[in-house]
Amino acid sequence: MILDLPSTPTTADPVIVPGLLSGLGITPRRVPAWITDPDLIASIQAGLVEIDDEFYGTT
């Protein structure tokens, strides 16, 4: 269904919140680069651990 949507220009604002896409399992969950423990990375990717945006260093 989502793959059937028309593409948008790369300069367009996102219309779907990235957190929604990862929550639905459509895109992988982001893991901050400073996290190196493989077990913690796996837990984040599985959705067992939520990382606040402030810890990504982009806000």
Protein backbone atom coordinates (compact mmCIF):
# COMPACT_ATOMS: atom_id res chain seq x y z
CA MET A 1 0.00 0.00 0.00
CA ILE A 2 2.68 2.53 0.98
CA LEU A 3 4.84 1.43 -1.94
CA ASP A 4 2.00 2.42 -4.29
CA LEU A 5 2.18 6.06 -3.21
CA PRO A 6 3.71 8.50 -5.71
CA SER A 7 7.22 9.69 -4.99
CA THR A 8 7.83 13.21 -3.69
CA PRO A 9 10.72 15.58 -4.34
CA THR A 10 13.68 15.18 -1.98
CA THR A 11 13.17 18.79 -0.86
CA ALA A 12 9.57 18.17 0.26
CA ASP A 13 8.68 18.01 3.94
CA PRO A 14 8.02 14.48 5.17
CA VAL A 15 4.35 13.56 5.20
CA ILE A 16 4.79 10.46 7.37
CA VAL A 17 6.60 10.73 10.68
CA PRO A 18 9.72 8.49 10.55
CA GLY A 19 8.89 7.10 14.01
CA LEU A 20 5.59 5.82 12.65
CA LEU A 21 7.33 3.97 9.84
CA SER A 22 9.78 2.28 12.20
CA GLY A 23 6.98 1.53 14.68
CA LEU A 24 5.09 -0.28 11.94
CA GLY A 25 8.22 -2.22 11.01
CA ILE A 26 8.43 -0.62 7.56
CA THR A 27 11.83 0.97 8.17
CA PRO A 28 14.53 -0.09 10.64
CA ARG A 29 14.75 1.72 13.97
CA ARG A 30 17.59 4.21 14.28
CA VAL A 31 20.41 3.40 16.66
CA PRO A 32 22.72 6.22 17.82
CA ALA A 33 26.30 5.76 16.60
CA TRP A 34 27.67 5.95 20.15
CA ILE A 35 25.88 2.75 21.17
CA THR A 36 28.24 -0.15 20.51
CA ASP A 37 26.87 -2.96 22.69
CA PRO A 38 25.44 -5.56 20.25
CA ASP A 39 22.76 -6.67 22.74
CA LEU A 40 21.57 -3.10 23.27
CA ILE A 41 21.57 -2.46 19.52
CA ALA A 42 19.45 -5.58 19.00
CA SER A 43 17.04 -4.47 21.74
CA ILE A 44 16.64 -1.03 20.14
CA GLN A 45 16.08 -2.53 16.70
CA ALA A 46 13.50 -4.94 18.13
CA GLY A 47 11.65 -2.01 19.70
CA LEU A 48 12.31 -3.10 23.28
CA VAL A 49 14.25 0.08 24.11
CA GLU A 50 13.18 3.59 23.10
CA ILE A 51 15.85 6.29 22.69
CA ASP A 52 14.78 9.93 23.04
CA ASP A 53 15.59 12.18 20.08
CA GLU A 54 17.85 14.36 22.25
CA PHE A 55 20.35 11.49 22.44
CA TYR A 56 20.85 11.33 18.68
CA GLY A 57 22.73 14.62 18.68
CA THR A 58 20.63 16.12 15.89
CA THR A 59 18.32 18.35 17.96
